[in-house]
Amino acid sequence: MSTAVTLPVRATADGIAFDVLVSPRASRSRLGPVHGDRIKLAVTAPPVDGEANAAVIELVAKALGVARAAVAITVGQSSRRKTVAVRGVDATLLERVVSA
């Protein structure tokens, strides 16, 4: 019996926003799974000089098939807990990517 997980994603005027929990210096980059009320992101970059933030933007853009310019970290620039906004996509695309 599987338990359905609701993604913590909000619709915005031009796309979506969602909360993430970032694990820097991971052995490999990965989007998902859902961890409480946030989507867990693992990036290989260290949390120094904005490298982890750049890696988060690149990972989300690549996973959702959008340009890096369409992805922004809106809250939590210097924290592991961040809010990411993506223009031009909807929640169903994120759900497919995270559940894959």
Protein backbone atom coordinates (compact mmCIF):
# COMPACT_ATOMS: atom_id res chain seq x y z
CA MET A 1 0.00 0.00 0.00
CA SER A 2 1.60 3.28 -1.09
CA THR A 3 1.21 6.57 0.68
CA ALA A 4 0.57 9.60 -1.51
CA VAL A 5 2.90 12.51 -0.84
CA THR A 6 1.66 16.03 -1.45
CA LEU A 7 4.31 18.27 -2.90
CA PRO A 8 4.87 21.54 -1.06
CA VAL A 9 4.40 23.72 -4.15
CA ARG A 10 2.53 26.99 -4.65
CA ALA A 11 1.28 28.47 -7.89
CA THR A 12 2.48 32.00 -8.65
CA ALA A 13 1.44 34.52 -11.29
CA ASP A 14 4.01 33.21 -13.78
CA GLY A 15 5.00 29.75 -12.52
CA ILE A 16 5.56 27.95 -9.23
CA ALA A 17 7.38 28.38 -5.92
CA PHE A 18 8.44 25.65 -3.54
CA ASP A 19 10.51 25.22 -0.41
CA VAL A 20 13.67 23.13 -0.47
CA LEU A 21 16.17 21.72 2.00
CA VAL A 22 19.64 21.82 0.46
CA SER A 23 22.42 19.37 1.26
CA PRO A 24 25.68 20.86 -0.04
CA ARG A 25 28.83 18.78 -0.66
CA ALA A 26 26.80 15.69 -1.53
CA SER A 27 28.39 12.85 -3.48
CA ARG A 28 25.97 13.49 -6.36
CA SER A 29 23.34 16.07 -7.28
CA ARG A 30 19.74 14.98 -6.83
CA LEU A 31 16.24 16.49 -6.73
CA GLY A 32 13.90 14.84 -4.23
CA PRO A 33 12.52 13.17 -2.24
CA VAL A 34 10.06 15.21 -0.20
CA HIS A 35 11.38 15.76 3.32
CA GLY A 36 8.59 17.00 5.61
CA ASP A 37 7.24 20.19 4.06
CA ARG A 38 10.22 20.69 1.71
CA ILE A 39 11.75 19.02 -1.30
CA LYS A 40 15.25 17.80 -0.57
CA LEU A 41 18.01 18.88 -2.97
CA ALA A 42 21.52 17.47 -2.90
CA VAL A 43 24.26 19.40 -4.69
CA THR A 44 27.97 18.63 -4.97
CA ALA A 45 29.04 22.26 -4.59
CA PRO A 46 30.24 23.60 -1.23
CA PRO A 47 28.29 26.35 0.55
CA VAL A 48 30.96 28.96 -0.20
CA ASP A 49 30.76 32.15 -2.28
CA GLY A 50 27.32 31.29 -3.66
CA GLU A 51 28.50 28.04 -5.28
CA ALA A 52 25.74 25.95 -3.67
CA ASN A 53 23.08 28.49 -4.70
CA ALA A 54 24.34 28.40 -8.30
CA ALA A 55 24.27 24.59 -8.18
CA VAL A 56 20.68 24.64 -6.86
CA ILE A 57 19.59 26.90 -9.73
CA GLU A 58 21.36 24.73 -12.30
CA LEU A 59 19.92 21.49 -10.88
CA VAL A 60 16.34 22.79 -10.80
CA ALA A 61 16.63 24.31 -14.29
CA LYS A 62 18.02 21.11 -15.78
CA ALA A 63 15.49 18.87 -14.01
CA LEU A 64 12.53 20.98 -15.17
CA GLY A 65 13.88 21.73 -18.64
CA VAL A 66 13.96 25.51 -18.31
CA ALA A 67 16.67 28.12 -18.68
CA ARG A 68 18.67 29.01 -15.58
CA ALA A 69 17.29 32.54 -15.88
CA ALA A 70 13.79 31.16 -15.18
CA VAL A 71 14.89 29.88 -11.74
CA ALA A 72 15.47 32.13 -8.72
CA ILE A 73 16.13 31.62 -5.03
CA THR A 74 13.69 34.05 -3.45
CA VAL A 75 14.23 33.26 0.25
CA GLY A 76 17.18 31.78 2.13
CA GLN A 77 20.23 32.87 0.16
CA SER A 78 22.53 31.90 3.04
CA SER A 79 20.49 29.07 4.54
CA ARG A 80 19.95 25.38 3.79
CA ARG A 81 16.21 26.15 3.83
CA LYS A 82 15.34 28.06 0.69
CA THR A 83 12.35 29.02 -1.42
CA VAL A 84 12.81 28.52 -5.15
CA ALA A 85 10.63 30.17 -7.81
CA VAL A 86 10.45 28.86 -11.38
CA ARG A 87 8.80 30.77 -14.22
CA GLY A 88 6.95 29.03 -17.02
CA VAL A 89 6.16 25.67 -15.39
CA ASP A 90 3.33 24.19 -13.37
CA ALA A 91 3.15 21.91 -10.34
CA THR A 92 2.43 18.77 -12.38
CA LEU A 93 5.85 18.96 -14.06
CA LEU A 94 7.60 19.25 -10.70
CA GLU A 95 5.53 16.35 -9.36
CA ARG A 96 6.60 14.13 -12.28
CA VAL A 97 10.27 15.02 -11.81
CA VAL A 98 10.30 14.48 -8.05
CA SER A 99 8.38 11.19 -8.21
CA ALA A 100 10.59 9.75 -10.99
